[in-house]
């Protein structure tokens, strides 16, 4: 389980240099094993699609992909200790629509996705999936990316850090109620500190699903039911289904009623419930298709249709 680092107890009052040396030699291999057993939080895969850009040396795009992937995976984003098998699987698929070699300006959009394993199952579930249509930045080949939380002055670093913290925070929310509070607050602080950047996507009220809107809505008091949904849906619902499918599904129904529905009622202008149902549509249809009472199916259908009518073809399957 992911834990905060703890202080190592000190050993005092031991005499004898030889004993100390023997003890040190015995400890070093164990310390090395302990250090290797902890890892960074993310295991990201970055792709850069540059097919729309013609006549440019592909090496700049390859270097961008390698630099980003290395930066995300080697950066320690929090003080939490993750085992290697606990690293959050995620991907950033960047599509370059325009590149200006003179100014090193990339005009892009990006699909960001994070996954979460389901307890006692080989199945992984989508934790976050959304397209950022303003994933623009400047990058010169062989640039080094450095993250300084107190000074956000590089767009590509800001973009990467924003999604890293957002993904980690949502993941922690799925394992404990409001478990990602500190990390998500850092994500919101970063967004506020990025207001001086000249790129689109950081400003309040520019767009109801830009980066500011996503994290600001997620941290709003009125959206606490949506945050609670992350724990109730994943930990009490999906994780429970391997042990008891009926109880897991019932818990998911309760989560949708108390979390998703209430968040939508309390803050109807927030796009988060719609975005969530966009990437959960197939999973939700599979959970209820051919299962549950007719009353339960109808209640779930009404909730989902009222939030995202555009996905009605998936919601209709729930009633089968």
C-alpha atoms as a PDB file:
ATOM      1  CA  UNK A   1       0.000   0.000   0.000  1.00  0.00           C
ATOM      2  CA  UNK A   2       1.241   3.487  -0.756  1.00  0.00           C
ATOM      3  CA  UNK A   3       2.596   5.208   2.306  1.00  0.00           C
ATOM      4  CA  UNK A   4       4.343   8.442   3.206  1.00  0.00           C
ATOM      5  CA  UNK A   5       8.046   8.077   3.929  1.00  0.00           C
ATOM      6  CA  UNK A   6       8.908   7.431   7.560  1.00  0.00           C
ATOM      7  CA  UNK A   7      12.041   8.449   9.416  1.00  0.00           C
ATOM      8  CA  UNK A   8      14.582   5.688   9.875  1.00  0.00           C
ATOM      9  CA  UNK A   9      15.202   5.084  13.619  1.00  0.00           C
ATOM     10  CA  UNK A  10      18.685   5.943  14.763  1.00  0.00           C
ATOM     11  CA  UNK A  11      20.873   3.400  16.523  1.00  0.00           C
ATOM     12  CA  UNK A  12      22.969   4.898  19.336  1.00  0.00           C
ATOM     13  CA  UNK A  13      25.370   3.698  22.031  1.00  0.00           C
ATOM     14  CA  UNK A  14      27.065   0.907  20.040  1.00  0.00           C
ATOM     15  CA  UNK A  15      30.795   0.668  20.534  1.00  0.00           C
ATOM     16  CA  UNK A  16      33.508  -0.943  18.444  1.00  0.00           C
ATOM     17  CA  UNK A  17      34.640   0.150  15.017  1.00  0.00           C
ATOM     18  CA  UNK A  18      34.932  -3.435  13.722  1.00  0.00           C
ATOM     19  CA  UNK A  19      31.379  -4.230  14.725  1.00  0.00           C
ATOM     20  CA  UNK A  20      30.205  -1.037  13.063  1.00  0.00           C
ATOM     21  CA  UNK A  21      32.004  -1.934   9.844  1.00  0.00           C
ATOM     22  CA  UNK A  22      30.546  -5.443   9.793  1.00  0.00           C
ATOM     23  CA  UNK A  23      27.098  -4.034  10.523  1.00  0.00           C
ATOM     24  CA  UNK A  24      27.498  -1.459   7.746  1.00  0.00           C
ATOM     25  CA  UNK A  25      28.546  -4.116   5.229  1.00  0.00           C
ATOM     26  CA  UNK A  26      25.507  -6.167   6.176  1.00  0.00           C
ATOM     27  CA  UNK A  27      23.148  -3.218   5.891  1.00  0.00           C
ATOM     28  CA  UNK A  28      24.333  -1.909   2.500  1.00  0.00           C
ATOM     29  CA  UNK A  29      22.806  -4.748   0.402  1.00  0.00           C
ATOM     30  CA  UNK A  30      19.522  -4.527   2.318  1.00  0.00           C
ATOM     31  CA  UNK A  31      19.474  -0.749   1.876  1.00  0.00           C
ATOM     32  CA  UNK A  32      20.051  -1.129  -1.843  1.00  0.00           C
ATOM     33  CA  UNK A  33      17.143  -3.573  -2.079  1.00  0.00           C
ATOM     34  CA  UNK A  34      14.922  -1.229  -0.081  1.00  0.00           C
ATOM     35  CA  UNK A  35      15.788   1.725  -2.290  1.00  0.00           C
ATOM     36  CA  UNK A  36      15.168  -0.247  -5.453  1.00  0.00           C
ATOM     37  CA  UNK A  37      11.796  -1.455  -4.185  1.00  0.00           C
ATOM     38  CA  UNK A  38      10.418   2.083  -4.324  1.00  0.00           C
ATOM     39  CA  UNK A  39       9.773   3.890  -7.554  1.00  0.00           C
ATOM     40  CA  UNK A  40       8.339   7.016  -9.041  1.00  0.00           C
ATOM     41  CA  UNK A  41       4.594   7.339  -9.223  1.00  0.00           C
ATOM     42  CA  UNK A  42       3.992   7.161 -12.966  1.00  0.00           C
ATOM     43  CA  UNK A  43       4.724   4.723 -15.750  1.00  0.00           C
ATOM     44  CA  UNK A  44       3.891   6.844 -18.779  1.00  0.00           C
ATOM     45  CA  UNK A  45       3.995   6.114 -22.462  1.00  0.00           C
ATOM     46  CA  UNK A  46       4.329   9.164 -24.719  1.00  0.00           C
ATOM     47  CA  UNK A  47       3.659   9.144 -28.451  1.00  0.00           C
ATOM     48  CA  UNK A  48       4.167  12.048 -30.848  1.00  0.00           C
ATOM     49  CA  UNK A  49       2.243  11.877 -34.125  1.00  0.00           C
ATOM     50  CA  UNK A  50       3.726  14.371 -36.604  1.00  0.00           C
ATOM     51  CA  UNK A  51       2.203  13.092 -39.849  1.00  0.00           C
ATOM     52  CA  UNK A  52       0.470  16.418 -40.440  1.00  0.00           C
ATOM     53  CA  UNK A  53       3.834  18.225 -40.485  1.00  0.00           C
ATOM     54  CA  UNK A  54       5.790  17.818 -43.711  1.00  0.00           C
ATOM     55  CA  UNK A  55       9.393  18.625 -44.567  1.00  0.00           C
ATOM     56  CA  UNK A  56      10.759  18.578 -41.011  1.00  0.00           C
ATOM     57  CA  UNK A  57      13.532  16.348 -39.720  1.00  0.00           C
ATOM     58  CA  UNK A  58      11.791  13.652 -37.651  1.00  0.00           C
ATOM     59  CA  UNK A  59      14.597  13.685 -35.074  1.00  0.00           C
ATOM     60  CA  UNK A  60      13.109  16.719 -33.291  1.00  0.00           C
ATOM     61  CA  UNK A  61       9.867  14.807 -32.697  1.00  0.00           C
ATOM     62  CA  UNK A  62      11.722  11.693 -31.590  1.00  0.00           C
ATOM     63  CA  UNK A  63      13.756  13.750 -29.139  1.00  0.00           C
ATOM     64  CA  UNK A  64      10.574  15.378 -27.823  1.00  0.00           C
ATOM     65  CA  UNK A  65       8.997  11.972 -27.219  1.00  0.00           C
ATOM     66  CA  UNK A  66      12.066  10.605 -25.432  1.00  0.00           C
ATOM     67  CA  UNK A  67      12.565  13.751 -23.338  1.00  0.00           C
ATOM     68  CA  UNK A  68       8.938  13.868 -22.216  1.00  0.00           C
ATOM     69  CA  UNK A  69       8.721  10.179 -21.374  1.00  0.00           C
ATOM     70  CA  UNK A  70      11.956  10.286 -19.393  1.00  0.00           C
ATOM     71  CA  UNK A  71      10.908  13.433 -17.542  1.00  0.00           C
ATOM     72  CA  UNK A  72       7.515  12.050 -16.517  1.00  0.00           C
ATOM     73  CA  UNK A  73       8.790   8.652 -15.433  1.00  0.00           C
ATOM     74  CA  UNK A  74      11.942   9.746 -13.607  1.00  0.00           C
ATOM     75  CA  UNK A  75      10.515  12.763 -11.767  1.00  0.00           C
ATOM     76  CA  UNK A  76       9.508  12.160  -8.138  1.00  0.00           C
ATOM     77  CA  UNK A  77       6.201  14.065  -8.093  1.00  0.00           C
ATOM     78  CA  UNK A  78       5.270  13.444  -4.440  1.00  0.00           C
ATOM     79  CA  UNK A  79       6.836  12.226  -1.201  1.00  0.00           C
ATOM     80  CA  UNK A  80       4.762   9.038  -1.356  1.00  0.00           C
ATOM     81  CA  UNK A  81       6.415   5.654  -1.706  1.00  0.00           C
ATOM     82  CA  UNK A  82       5.172   3.582  -4.629  1.00  0.00           C
ATOM     83  CA  UNK A  83       6.229   0.002  -5.261  1.00  0.00           C
ATOM     84  CA  UNK A  84       7.226  -0.658  -8.856  1.00  0.00           C
ATOM     85  CA  UNK A  85       4.065  -2.652  -9.474  1.00  0.00           C
ATOM     86  CA  UNK A  86       1.963   0.236  -8.086  1.00  0.00           C
ATOM     87  CA  UNK A  87       3.104   2.811 -10.622  1.00  0.00           C
ATOM     88  CA  UNK A  88       0.158   4.409 -12.383  1.00  0.00           C
ATOM     89  CA  UNK A  89      -0.073   3.377 -16.017  1.00  0.00           C
ATOM     90  CA  UNK A  90      -0.801   6.401 -18.182  1.00  0.00           C
ATOM     91  CA  UNK A  91      -0.326   7.716 -21.687  1.00  0.00           C
ATOM     92  CA  UNK A  92      -0.009  11.053 -23.457  1.00  0.00           C
ATOM     93  CA  UNK A  93      -0.701  10.813 -27.176  1.00  0.00           C
ATOM     94  CA  UNK A  94       0.340  14.093 -28.826  1.00  0.00           C
ATOM     95  CA  UNK A  95      -0.740  15.043 -32.325  1.00  0.00           C
ATOM     96  CA  UNK A  96       1.332  17.847 -33.846  1.00  0.00           C
ATOM     97  CA  UNK A  97      -0.768  19.917 -36.240  1.00  0.00           C
ATOM     98  CA  UNK A  98       1.831  22.647 -36.865  1.00  0.00           C
ATOM     99  CA  UNK A  99       5.517  23.157 -36.138  1.00  0.00           C
ATOM    100  CA  UNK A 100       7.542  26.337 -36.583  1.00  0.00           C
ATOM    101  CA  UNK A 101      11.247  25.482 -36.533  1.00  0.00           C
ATOM    102  CA  UNK A 102      12.260  29.151 -36.336  1.00  0.00           C
ATOM    103  CA  UNK A 103      10.440  29.744 -33.046  1.00  0.00           C
ATOM    104  CA  UNK A 104      10.436  26.103 -31.816  1.00  0.00           C
ATOM    105  CA  UNK A 105       6.650  26.397 -31.456  1.00  0.00           C
ATOM    106  CA  UNK A 106       4.550  23.227 -31.483  1.00  0.00           C
ATOM    107  CA  UNK A 107       0.789  23.495 -32.062  1.00  0.00           C
ATOM    108  CA  UNK A 108      -0.767  20.273 -30.795  1.00  0.00           C
ATOM    109  CA  UNK A 109      -3.637  18.468 -29.207  1.00  0.00           C
ATOM    110  CA  UNK A 110      -3.175  15.583 -26.810  1.00  0.00           C
ATOM    111  CA  UNK A 111      -5.189  12.675 -25.487  1.00  0.00           C
ATOM    112  CA  UNK A 112      -4.339  11.978 -21.850  1.00  0.00           C
ATOM    113  CA  UNK A 113      -5.338   8.699 -20.255  1.00  0.00           C
ATOM    114  CA  UNK A 114      -4.648   6.976 -16.940  1.00  0.00           C
ATOM    115  CA  UNK A 115      -5.593   3.444 -15.926  1.00  0.00           C
ATOM    116  CA  UNK A 116      -6.117   1.684 -12.621  1.00  0.00           C
ATOM    117  CA  UNK A 117      -5.940  -2.048 -11.886  1.00  0.00           C
ATOM    118  CA  UNK A 118      -9.029  -3.701 -10.423  1.00  0.00           C
ATOM    119  CA  UNK A 119      -8.432  -5.699  -7.245  1.00  0.00           C
ATOM    120  CA  UNK A 120      -8.162  -9.485  -7.732  1.00  0.00           C
ATOM    121  CA  UNK A 121      -8.788  -9.186 -11.468  1.00  0.00           C
ATOM    122  CA  UNK A 122      -6.752  -9.004 -14.666  1.00  0.00           C
ATOM    123  CA  UNK A 123      -8.970  -6.112 -15.742  1.00  0.00           C
ATOM    124  CA  UNK A 124      -7.769  -2.505 -15.769  1.00  0.00           C
ATOM    125  CA  UNK A 125     -10.221   0.393 -15.700  1.00  0.00           C
ATOM    126  CA  UNK A 126      -9.887   3.884 -17.159  1.00  0.00           C
ATOM    127  CA  UNK A 127      -9.276   6.390 -14.386  1.00  0.00           C
ATOM    128  CA  UNK A 128      -9.069   9.490 -16.586  1.00  0.00           C
ATOM    129  CA  UNK A 129      -9.404  10.169 -20.288  1.00  0.00           C
ATOM    130  CA  UNK A 130      -9.720  13.560 -21.914  1.00  0.00           C
ATOM    131  CA  UNK A 131      -8.460  15.507 -24.912  1.00  0.00           C
ATOM    132  CA  UNK A 132      -6.549  18.753 -24.437  1.00  0.00           C
ATOM    133  CA  UNK A 133      -7.059  20.759 -27.625  1.00  0.00           C
ATOM    134  CA  UNK A 134      -4.574  23.445 -26.552  1.00  0.00           C
ATOM    135  CA  UNK A 135      -1.483  21.344 -25.906  1.00  0.00           C
ATOM    136  CA  UNK A 136       0.832  23.990 -27.401  1.00  0.00           C
ATOM    137  CA  UNK A 137       4.411  24.644 -26.275  1.00  0.00           C
ATOM    138  CA  UNK A 138       7.931  25.611 -27.284  1.00  0.00           C
ATOM    139  CA  UNK A 139      10.646  22.973 -27.410  1.00  0.00           C
ATOM    140  CA  UNK A 140      14.109  22.993 -28.968  1.00  0.00           C
ATOM    141  CA  UNK A 141      15.855  19.717 -29.638  1.00  0.00           C
ATOM    142  CA  UNK A 142      17.865  18.511 -26.624  1.00  0.00           C
ATOM    143  CA  UNK A 143      16.146  20.935 -24.227  1.00  0.00           C
ATOM    144  CA  UNK A 144      16.242  19.741 -20.616  1.00  0.00           C
ATOM    145  CA  UNK A 145      13.016  19.839 -18.591  1.00  0.00           C
ATOM    146  CA  UNK A 146      13.245  20.897 -14.945  1.00  0.00           C
ATOM    147  CA  UNK A 147      10.311  21.198 -12.575  1.00  0.00           C
ATOM    148  CA  UNK A 148      10.329  24.092 -10.099  1.00  0.00           C
ATOM    149  CA  UNK A 149       6.962  24.203  -8.385  1.00  0.00           C
ATOM    150  CA  UNK A 150       7.496  27.742  -7.139  1.00  0.00           C
ATOM    151  CA  UNK A 151       8.368  29.161 -10.553  1.00  0.00           C
ATOM    152  CA  UNK A 152       6.218  28.040 -13.469  1.00  0.00           C
ATOM    153  CA  UNK A 153       7.857  29.629 -16.502  1.00  0.00           C
ATOM    154  CA  UNK A 154       8.029  26.795 -19.020  1.00  0.00           C
ATOM    155  CA  UNK A 155       4.847  25.729 -20.822  1.00  0.00           C
ATOM    156  CA  UNK A 156       5.877  22.141 -21.576  1.00  0.00           C
ATOM    157  CA  UNK A 157       6.968  21.562 -17.973  1.00  0.00           C
ATOM    158  CA  UNK A 158       3.710  23.120 -16.737  1.00  0.00           C
ATOM    159  CA  UNK A 159       1.604  20.900 -19.016  1.00  0.00           C
ATOM    160  CA  UNK A 160       3.445  17.767 -17.949  1.00  0.00           C
ATOM    161  CA  UNK A 161       3.372  18.593 -14.235  1.00  0.00           C
ATOM    162  CA  UNK A 162      -0.326  19.496 -14.393  1.00  0.00           C
ATOM    163  CA  UNK A 163      -1.339  16.126 -15.800  1.00  0.00           C
ATOM    164  CA  UNK A 164       1.085  14.213 -13.592  1.00  0.00           C
ATOM    165  CA  UNK A 165      -0.366  15.753 -10.419  1.00  0.00           C
ATOM    166  CA  UNK A 166      -3.957  15.464 -11.673  1.00  0.00           C
ATOM    167  CA  UNK A 167      -3.560  11.760 -12.468  1.00  0.00           C
ATOM    168  CA  UNK A 168      -1.806  10.960  -9.181  1.00  0.00           C
ATOM    169  CA  UNK A 169      -4.445  12.899  -7.215  1.00  0.00           C
ATOM    170  CA  UNK A 170      -7.395  11.150  -8.863  1.00  0.00           C
ATOM    171  CA  UNK A 171      -5.688   7.792  -8.396  1.00  0.00           C
ATOM    172  CA  UNK A 172      -5.240   8.487  -4.660  1.00  0.00           C
ATOM    173  CA  UNK A 173      -8.913   9.541  -4.435  1.00  0.00           C
ATOM    174  CA  UNK A 174      -9.833   6.110  -5.809  1.00  0.00           C
ATOM    175  CA  UNK A 175      -8.021   4.312  -2.975  1.00  0.00           C
ATOM    176  CA  UNK A 176      -9.119   6.506  -0.038  1.00  0.00           C
ATOM    177  CA  UNK A 177     -11.894   9.102   0.348  1.00  0.00           C
ATOM    178  CA  UNK A 178     -10.391  12.465  -0.698  1.00  0.00           C
ATOM    179  CA  UNK A 179      -7.005  10.724  -0.580  1.00  0.00           C
ATOM    180  CA  UNK A 180      -5.516  12.971  -3.237  1.00  0.00           C
ATOM    181  CA  UNK A 181      -6.299  16.266  -1.499  1.00  0.00           C
ATOM    182  CA  UNK A 182      -2.719  17.481  -1.061  1.00  0.00           C
ATOM    183  CA  UNK A 183      -1.595  16.506  -4.553  1.00  0.00           C
ATOM    184  CA  UNK A 184      -4.688  17.981  -6.194  1.00  0.00           C
ATOM    185  CA  UNK A 185      -4.224  21.228  -4.270  1.00  0.00           C
ATOM    186  CA  UNK A 186      -0.714  21.395  -5.689  1.00  0.00           C
ATOM    187  CA  UNK A 187      -2.201  20.895  -9.150  1.00  0.00           C
ATOM    188  CA  UNK A 188      -4.586  23.799  -8.553  1.00  0.00           C
ATOM    189  CA  UNK A 189      -1.744  25.961  -7.227  1.00  0.00           C
ATOM    190  CA  UNK A 190       0.319  25.146 -10.323  1.00  0.00           C
ATOM    191  CA  UNK A 191      -2.614  26.171 -12.523  1.00  0.00           C
ATOM    192  CA  UNK A 192      -2.875  29.490 -10.711  1.00  0.00           C
ATOM    193  CA  UNK A 193       0.875  30.018 -11.046  1.00  0.00           C
ATOM    194  CA  UNK A 194       0.643  29.309 -14.780  1.00  0.00           C
ATOM    195  CA  UNK A 195      -1.703  32.236 -15.390  1.00  0.00           C
ATOM    196  CA  UNK A 196       1.218  34.352 -16.628  1.00  0.00           C
ATOM    197  CA  UNK A 197       2.090  31.914 -19.392  1.00  0.00           C
ATOM    198  CA  UNK A 198       1.082  33.182 -22.818  1.00  0.00           C
ATOM    199  CA  UNK A 199      -0.502  29.886 -23.918  1.00  0.00           C
ATOM    200  CA  UNK A 200      -4.204  29.022 -24.043  1.00  0.00           C
ATOM    201  CA  UNK A 201      -5.786  26.679 -21.515  1.00  0.00           C
ATOM    202  CA  UNK A 202      -4.821  28.132 -18.153  1.00  0.00           C
ATOM    203  CA  UNK A 203      -7.259  31.027 -17.843  1.00  0.00           C
ATOM    204  CA  UNK A 204     -10.391  30.959 -15.725  1.00  0.00           C
ATOM    205  CA  UNK A 205     -13.675  31.032 -17.632  1.00  0.00           C
ATOM    206  CA  UNK A 206     -12.049  30.896 -21.102  1.00  0.00           C
ATOM    207  CA  UNK A 207     -13.427  27.417 -21.644  1.00  0.00           C
ATOM    208  CA  UNK A 208     -15.608  25.149 -19.520  1.00  0.00           C
ATOM    209  CA  UNK A 209     -13.341  22.140 -20.068  1.00  0.00           C
ATOM    210  CA  UNK A 210      -9.862  23.661 -20.235  1.00  0.00           C
ATOM    211  CA  UNK A 211      -7.149  22.822 -17.692  1.00  0.00           C
ATOM    212  CA  UNK A 212      -8.278  25.479 -15.238  1.00  0.00           C
ATOM    213  CA  UNK A 213     -11.906  24.340 -15.417  1.00  0.00           C
ATOM    214  CA  UNK A 214     -11.024  20.669 -14.867  1.00  0.00           C
ATOM    215  CA  UNK A 215      -8.986  21.100 -11.675  1.00  0.00           C
ATOM    216  CA  UNK A 216     -11.011  24.048 -10.344  1.00  0.00           C
ATOM    217  CA  UNK A 217     -14.279  22.135 -10.691  1.00  0.00           C
ATOM    218  CA  UNK A 218     -12.748  18.990  -9.219  1.00  0.00           C
ATOM    219  CA  UNK A 219     -11.675  20.906  -6.094  1.00  0.00           C
ATOM    220  CA  UNK A 220     -14.931  22.871  -5.687  1.00  0.00           C
ATOM    221  CA  UNK A 221     -16.844  22.149  -2.503  1.00  0.00           C
ATOM    222  CA  UNK A 222     -20.014  21.517  -4.500  1.00  0.00           C
ATOM    223  CA  UNK A 223     -18.170  18.752  -6.373  1.00  0.00           C
ATOM    224  CA  UNK A 224     -17.157  16.751  -3.307  1.00  0.00           C
ATOM    225  CA  UNK A 225     -19.779  14.109  -4.209  1.00  0.00           C
ATOM    226  CA  UNK A 226     -17.934  13.660  -7.513  1.00  0.00           C
ATOM    227  CA  UNK A 227     -14.660  13.158  -5.669  1.00  0.00           C
ATOM    228  CA  UNK A 228     -16.328  10.699  -3.299  1.00  0.00           C
ATOM    229  CA  UNK A 229     -17.588   8.898  -6.395  1.00  0.00           C
ATOM    230  CA  UNK A 230     -13.991   8.021  -7.279  1.00  0.00           C
ATOM    231  CA  UNK A 231     -13.594   5.999  -4.068  1.00  0.00           C
ATOM    232  CA  UNK A 232     -17.093   4.550  -3.981  1.00  0.00           C
ATOM    233  CA  UNK A 233     -17.067   3.499  -7.640  1.00  0.00           C
ATOM    234  CA  UNK A 234     -13.566   2.013  -7.775  1.00  0.00           C
ATOM    235  CA  UNK A 235     -12.742   0.803  -4.266  1.00  0.00           C
ATOM    236  CA  UNK A 236     -16.207  -0.186  -3.027  1.00  0.00           C
ATOM    237  CA  UNK A 237     -17.601  -1.098  -6.444  1.00  0.00           C
ATOM    238  CA  UNK A 238     -15.183  -2.485  -9.026  1.00  0.00           C
ATOM    239  CA  UNK A 239     -12.679  -3.793  -6.470  1.00  0.00           C
ATOM    240  CA  UNK A 240     -15.496  -5.641  -4.709  1.00  0.00           C
ATOM    241  CA  UNK A 241     -16.866  -7.343  -7.816  1.00  0.00           C
ATOM    242  CA  UNK A 242     -14.240 -10.106  -7.816  1.00  0.00           C
ATOM    243  CA  UNK A 243     -15.405 -11.166  -4.346  1.00  0.00           C
ATOM    244  CA  UNK A 244     -19.109 -10.494  -4.762  1.00  0.00           C
ATOM    245  CA  UNK A 245     -20.350  -9.224  -8.136  1.00  0.00           C
ATOM    246  CA  UNK A 246     -23.825  -8.467  -6.810  1.00  0.00           C
ATOM    247  CA  UNK A 247     -22.577  -6.376  -3.900  1.00  0.00           C
ATOM    248  CA  UNK A 248     -20.040  -4.591  -6.104  1.00  0.00           C
ATOM    249  CA  UNK A 249     -22.713  -3.623  -8.627  1.00  0.00           C
ATOM    250  CA  UNK A 250     -25.079  -2.476  -5.881  1.00  0.00           C
ATOM    251  CA  UNK A 251     -22.315  -0.276  -4.456  1.00  0.00           C
ATOM    252  CA  UNK A 252     -21.744   1.204  -7.914  1.00  0.00           C
ATOM    253  CA  UNK A 253     -25.450   2.016  -8.201  1.00  0.00           C
ATOM    254  CA  UNK A 254     -25.311   3.782  -4.840  1.00  0.00           C
ATOM    255  CA  UNK A 255     -22.175   5.657  -5.938  1.00  0.00           C
ATOM    256  CA  UNK A 256     -23.890   6.874  -9.107  1.00  0.00           C
ATOM    257  CA  UNK A 257     -26.932   8.052  -7.148  1.00  0.00           C
ATOM    258  CA  UNK A 258     -25.077   9.728  -4.260  1.00  0.00           C
ATOM    259  CA  UNK A 259     -21.986  10.864  -6.144  1.00  0.00           C
ATOM    260  CA  UNK A 260     -22.516  11.410  -9.858  1.00  0.00           C
ATOM    261  CA  UNK A 261     -26.170  12.484  -9.740  1.00  0.00           C
ATOM    262  CA  UNK A 262     -25.714  14.783  -6.746  1.00  0.00           C
ATOM    263  CA  UNK A 263     -22.609  16.452  -8.222  1.00  0.00           C
ATOM    264  CA  UNK A 264     -24.513  17.147 -11.426  1.00  0.00           C
ATOM    265  CA  UNK A 265     -27.465  18.586  -9.485  1.00  0.00           C
ATOM    266  CA  UNK A 266     -25.261  20.717  -7.215  1.00  0.00           C
ATOM    267  CA  UNK A 267     -23.109  22.075 -10.058  1.00  0.00           C
ATOM    268  CA  UNK A 268     -24.985  21.545 -13.322  1.00  0.00           C
ATOM    269  CA  UNK A 269     -22.566  23.656 -15.399  1.00  0.00           C
ATOM    270  CA  UNK A 270     -19.544  21.489 -14.577  1.00  0.00           C
ATOM    271  CA  UNK A 271     -18.377  19.308 -17.450  1.00  0.00           C
ATOM    272  CA  UNK A 272     -16.737  16.713 -15.196  1.00  0.00           C
ATOM    273  CA  UNK A 273     -19.756  14.356 -14.950  1.00  0.00           C
ATOM    274  CA  UNK A 274     -20.121  14.418 -18.738  1.00  0.00           C
ATOM    275  CA  UNK A 275     -16.415  13.807 -19.324  1.00  0.00           C
ATOM    276  CA  UNK A 276     -16.496  10.943 -16.810  1.00  0.00           C
ATOM    277  CA  UNK A 277     -19.475   9.272 -18.478  1.00  0.00           C
ATOM    278  CA  UNK A 278     -17.821   9.691 -21.903  1.00  0.00           C
ATOM    279  CA  UNK A 279     -14.983   7.354 -20.939  1.00  0.00           C
ATOM    280  CA  UNK A 280     -17.072   5.141 -18.657  1.00  0.00           C
ATOM    281  CA  UNK A 281     -19.908   4.409 -21.097  1.00  0.00           C
ATOM    282  CA  UNK A 282     -18.782   0.950 -22.230  1.00  0.00           C
ATOM    283  CA  UNK A 283     -17.800  -0.150 -18.739  1.00  0.00           C
ATOM    284  CA  UNK A 284     -21.113   0.977 -17.255  1.00  0.00           C
ATOM    285  CA  UNK A 285     -23.083  -0.741 -20.011  1.00  0.00           C
ATOM    286  CA  UNK A 286     -21.217  -4.004 -19.332  1.00  0.00           C
ATOM    287  CA  UNK A 287     -21.799  -3.760 -15.570  1.00  0.00           C
ATOM    288  CA  UNK A 288     -25.577  -3.594 -15.934  1.00  0.00           C
ATOM    289  CA  UNK A 289     -26.323  -5.364 -19.216  1.00  0.00           C
ATOM    290  CA  UNK A 290     -28.285  -8.503 -18.318  1.00  0.00           C
ATOM    291  CA  UNK A 291     -27.732  -7.900 -14.591  1.00  0.00           C
ATOM    292  CA  UNK A 292     -29.673  -6.246 -11.766  1.00  0.00           C
ATOM    293  CA  UNK A 293     -33.344  -5.536 -11.261  1.00  0.00           C
ATOM    294  CA  UNK A 294     -35.372  -3.581 -13.775  1.00  0.00           C
ATOM    295  CA  UNK A 295     -35.843  -0.829 -11.195  1.00  0.00           C
ATOM    296  CA  UNK A 296     -32.099  -0.545 -10.669  1.00  0.00           C
ATOM    297  CA  UNK A 297     -31.441  -0.473 -14.423  1.00  0.00           C
ATOM    298  CA  UNK A 298     -34.019   2.254 -14.999  1.00  0.00           C
ATOM    299  CA  UNK A 299     -32.654   4.374 -12.155  1.00  0.00           C
ATOM    300  CA  UNK A 300     -29.102   4.142 -13.531  1.00  0.00           C
ATOM    301  CA  UNK A 301     -30.309   4.835 -17.077  1.00  0.00           C
ATOM    302  CA  UNK A 302     -32.118   8.012 -15.960  1.00  0.00           C
ATOM    303  CA  UNK A 303     -29.026   9.317 -14.155  1.00  0.00           C
ATOM    304  CA  UNK A 304     -26.699   8.726 -17.086  1.00  0.00           C
ATOM    305  CA  UNK A 305     -29.103   9.971 -19.763  1.00  0.00           C
ATOM    306  CA  UNK A 306     -29.772  13.193 -17.830  1.00  0.00           C
ATOM    307  CA  UNK A 307     -26.022  13.892 -17.679  1.00  0.00           C
ATOM    308  CA  UNK A 308     -24.915  12.750 -21.117  1.00  0.00           C
ATOM    309  CA  UNK A 309     -27.705  12.133 -23.619  1.00  0.00           C
ATOM    310  CA  UNK A 310     -25.172  11.968 -26.473  1.00  0.00           C
ATOM    311  CA  UNK A 311     -24.126   8.496 -25.273  1.00  0.00           C
ATOM    312  CA  UNK A 312     -27.653   7.120 -25.268  1.00  0.00           C
ATOM    313  CA  UNK A 313     -26.720   4.154 -27.483  1.00  0.00           C
ATOM    314  CA  UNK A 314     -24.603   2.891 -24.563  1.00  0.00           C
ATOM    315  CA  UNK A 315     -27.227   3.702 -21.942  1.00  0.00           C
ATOM    316  CA  UNK A 316     -29.858   1.741 -23.888  1.00  0.00           C
ATOM    317  CA  UNK A 317     -27.750  -1.398 -23.418  1.00  0.00           C
ATOM    318  CA  UNK A 318     -28.167  -1.028 -19.649  1.00  0.00           C
ATOM    319  CA  UNK A 319     -31.876  -1.752 -19.975  1.00  0.00           C
ATOM    320  CA  UNK A 320     -31.315  -5.029 -21.833  1.00  0.00           C
END
